[in-house]
Amino acid sequence: MVLETEQHARGRGVRPRTHLLGYGASTDAYQATTPAPDGAGVERAVRTAQAEAGLGSDDIGHVNAHGTSTPLNDVTEAAAVRRVFGGDTVITSTKGVTGHPLGAAGAIEAVYTVLALRHGLIPPTANVQAVEPAVDLDVVVDLPRKNQGTAAVSNSLGFGGHNTALVIAVT
């Protein structure tokens, strides 16, 4: 994946196929390895990215969650996503396939989000036996699902309360 301005790409004779429409970042600095339980930092990052993208909630087909499969992290992230997009949000996580590659997670998950949009399919969250009831979102499990939106959000949450969100669209 090459990140460059549209003008630069066109100057090279290349038609951009993917657009980074919005970026949001926040730090909640709650604790070194634990997210703030209310998810306010995650919510701030997602809202900032969505506002920069200029898209409404209906334009977002799915959220590729940071999804570490730890109860505290998943419930916190789900609460933030639910406050931004509502309870019908379609959500997936790719860490069940890749594991947690720490600092590389955000880039890998952004690539998965681009691929999901390009193929029109949201990948299932691998190895899910049961969804934590407090997540209370439409988690894609078992089989891929057709993507219904024009864009998607990719969340990345890091140690120390670092939160980022990307709004990505394909052309």
Protein backbone atom coordinates (compact mmCIF):
# COMPACT_ATOMS: atom_id res chain seq x y z
CA MET A 1 0.00 0.00 0.00
CA VAL A 2 1.41 3.37 -1.01
CA LEU A 3 0.20 6.49 0.76
CA GLU A 4 0.40 9.60 -1.38
CA THR A 5 -1.73 12.55 -2.35
CA GLU A 6 -4.12 12.08 -5.23
CA GLN A 7 -2.30 14.83 -7.12
CA HIS A 8 1.03 13.00 -6.74
CA ALA A 9 -0.47 9.70 -7.89
CA ARG A 10 -2.05 11.29 -10.95
CA GLY A 11 1.26 13.03 -11.70
CA ARG A 12 2.80 9.56 -11.88
CA GLY A 13 0.05 8.48 -14.26
CA VAL A 14 -1.67 6.31 -11.64
CA ARG A 15 -5.39 6.36 -10.84
CA PRO A 16 -5.91 6.05 -7.09
CA ARG A 17 -7.99 3.02 -6.20
CA THR A 18 -8.30 3.63 -2.47
CA HIS A 19 -8.83 6.85 -0.55
CA LEU A 20 -7.99 7.64 3.05
CA LEU A 21 -10.91 9.97 3.72
CA GLY A 22 -10.45 10.57 7.42
CA TYR A 23 -8.00 10.11 10.25
CA GLY A 24 -8.56 10.53 13.96
CA ALA A 25 -6.26 10.08 16.91
CA SER A 26 -6.59 10.50 20.65
CA THR A 27 -4.85 9.51 23.83
CA ASP A 28 -6.73 8.64 26.97
CA ALA A 29 -3.60 7.68 28.96
CA TYR A 30 -5.75 5.71 31.37
CA GLN A 31 -3.24 2.97 32.16
CA ALA A 32 -0.26 1.42 30.37
CA THR A 33 -2.07 -1.68 29.06
CA THR A 34 -5.74 -1.08 29.92
CA PRO A 35 -8.08 1.17 27.94
CA ALA A 36 -10.23 3.73 29.72
CA PRO A 37 -13.35 1.73 30.61
CA ASP A 38 -15.76 4.28 29.12
CA GLY A 39 -14.07 4.15 25.69
CA ALA A 40 -14.12 7.95 25.37
CA GLY A 41 -10.68 8.05 23.75
CA VAL A 42 -11.65 5.47 21.13
CA GLU A 43 -14.89 7.34 20.49
CA ARG A 44 -13.01 10.63 20.04
CA ALA A 45 -10.67 9.08 17.46
CA VAL A 46 -13.54 7.52 15.47
CA ARG A 47 -15.65 10.70 15.55
CA THR A 48 -12.68 12.78 14.40
CA ALA A 49 -11.99 10.43 11.47
CA GLN A 50 -15.66 10.33 10.51
CA ALA A 51 -15.96 14.14 10.66
CA GLU A 52 -12.82 14.58 8.55
CA ALA A 53 -14.22 12.11 6.02
CA GLY A 54 -17.50 14.03 5.88
CA LEU A 55 -19.50 10.81 5.94
CA GLY A 56 -22.58 9.83 7.86
CA SER A 57 -23.00 6.62 9.79
CA ASP A 58 -24.99 5.07 6.93
CA ASP A 59 -21.98 5.45 4.63
CA ILE A 60 -19.83 3.22 6.85
CA GLY A 61 -20.35 -0.41 5.84
CA HIS A 62 -18.41 -1.91 8.69
CA VAL A 63 -15.80 -1.38 11.36
CA ASN A 64 -12.63 -3.43 11.42
CA ALA A 65 -12.14 -3.39 15.17
CA HIS A 66 -8.86 -3.48 16.99
CA GLY A 67 -10.52 -6.51 18.59
CA THR A 68 -7.89 -8.10 20.80
CA SER A 69 -10.40 -10.68 22.05
CA THR A 70 -9.89 -9.60 25.65
CA PRO A 71 -13.14 -8.87 27.46
CA LEU A 72 -12.16 -5.41 28.72
CA ASN A 73 -10.74 -4.18 25.41
CA ASP A 74 -13.53 -5.60 23.25
CA VAL A 75 -16.35 -4.32 25.47
CA THR A 76 -14.74 -0.87 25.71
CA GLU A 77 -14.22 -0.60 21.94
CA ALA A 78 -17.71 -1.90 21.21
CA ALA A 79 -19.27 0.70 23.52
CA ALA A 80 -17.41 3.48 21.72
CA VAL A 81 -18.37 2.17 18.27
CA ARG A 82 -22.01 1.78 19.36
CA ARG A 83 -22.12 5.41 20.56
CA VAL A 84 -20.80 6.63 17.20
CA PHE A 85 -22.66 4.37 14.76
CA GLY A 86 -25.52 2.80 16.73
CA GLY A 87 -26.31 -0.75 17.68
CA ASP A 88 -26.72 -2.13 14.16
CA THR A 89 -23.07 -1.56 13.32
CA VAL A 90 -21.43 -4.44 11.48
CA ILE A 91 -18.08 -5.19 13.08
CA THR A 92 -15.26 -7.64 12.47
CA SER A 93 -11.72 -8.20 13.70
CA THR A 94 -8.84 -9.80 11.88
CA LYS A 95 -6.63 -10.61 14.87
CA GLY A 96 -8.13 -14.10 15.04
CA VAL A 97 -6.23 -14.78 11.81
CA THR A 98 -3.07 -12.73 12.30
CA GLY A 99 -2.63 -12.74 16.04
CA HIS A 100 -1.53 -9.43 17.54
CA PRO A 101 1.52 -8.12 15.66
CA LEU A 102 1.81 -5.19 18.08
CA GLY A 103 3.14 -2.10 16.22
CA ALA A 104 2.34 -3.58 12.81
CA ALA A 105 -1.31 -4.27 13.68
CA GLY A 106 -2.66 -0.94 12.43
CA ALA A 107 -1.05 -1.24 9.01
CA ILE A 108 -2.07 -4.86 8.55
CA GLU A 109 -5.65 -4.13 9.61
CA ALA A 110 -5.82 -1.14 7.24
CA VAL A 111 -4.79 -3.45 4.39
CA TYR A 112 -7.49 -5.96 5.41
CA THR A 113 -10.03 -3.13 5.45
CA VAL A 114 -9.01 -2.05 1.94
CA LEU A 115 -9.26 -5.64 0.71
CA ALA A 116 -12.69 -6.07 2.32
CA LEU A 117 -13.93 -2.96 0.53
CA ARG A 118 -12.35 -3.92 -2.80
CA HIS A 119 -13.89 -7.40 -2.73
CA GLY A 120 -17.20 -6.22 -1.28
CA LEU A 121 -16.98 -8.78 1.52
CA ILE A 122 -16.53 -8.31 5.24
CA PRO A 123 -14.34 -11.10 6.61
CA PRO A 124 -15.63 -13.07 9.58
CA THR A 125 -13.98 -12.76 12.95
CA ALA A 126 -12.08 -16.03 13.16
CA ASN A 127 -12.27 -18.50 16.03
CA VAL A 128 -15.31 -16.96 17.75
CA GLN A 129 -17.10 -19.44 19.97
CA ALA A 130 -19.50 -16.89 21.48
CA VAL A 131 -19.76 -13.11 21.31
CA GLU A 132 -19.52 -11.38 24.68
CA PRO A 133 -23.11 -10.14 25.34
CA ALA A 134 -21.85 -6.69 26.39
CA VAL A 135 -20.41 -6.19 22.88
CA ASP A 136 -24.00 -5.89 21.62
CA LEU A 137 -23.06 -5.26 17.95
CA ASP A 138 -23.51 -7.23 14.75
CA VAL A 139 -20.26 -9.23 14.83
CA VAL A 140 -19.47 -11.05 11.57
CA VAL A 141 -18.70 -14.69 12.43
CA ASP A 142 -18.46 -17.97 10.54
CA LEU A 143 -18.88 -16.66 6.96
CA PRO A 144 -17.98 -13.46 5.10
CA ARG A 145 -20.80 -11.00 4.60
CA LYS A 146 -21.57 -8.65 1.72
CA ASN A 147 -20.42 -5.11 2.49
CA GLN A 148 -23.27 -2.60 2.33
CA GLY A 149 -21.40 0.73 2.64
CA THR A 150 -19.12 2.88 0.55
CA ALA A 151 -16.47 3.15 3.25
CA ALA A 152 -15.21 1.39 6.36
CA VAL A 153 -13.46 2.29 9.60
CA SER A 154 -10.25 0.63 10.77
CA ASN A 155 -9.50 1.07 14.49
CA SER A 156 -6.12 0.66 16.14
CA LEU A 157 -5.63 0.96 19.87
CA GLY A 158 -2.22 0.93 21.47
CA PHE A 159 -0.51 0.70 24.81
CA GLY A 160 -0.73 3.82 26.92
CA GLY A 161 -4.14 4.73 25.56
CA HIS A 162 -3.18 5.64 22.00
CA ASN A 163 -6.23 5.40 19.73
CA THR A 164 -6.43 5.85 15.97
CA ALA A 165 -9.20 5.44 13.45
CA LEU A 166 -9.09 5.55 9.65
CA VAL A 167 -12.03 6.01 7.30
CA ILE A 168 -11.17 4.27 4.05
CA ALA A 169 -13.07 4.11 0.75
CA VAL A 170 -12.34 2.47 -2.60
CA THR A 171 -13.06 3.79 -6.06
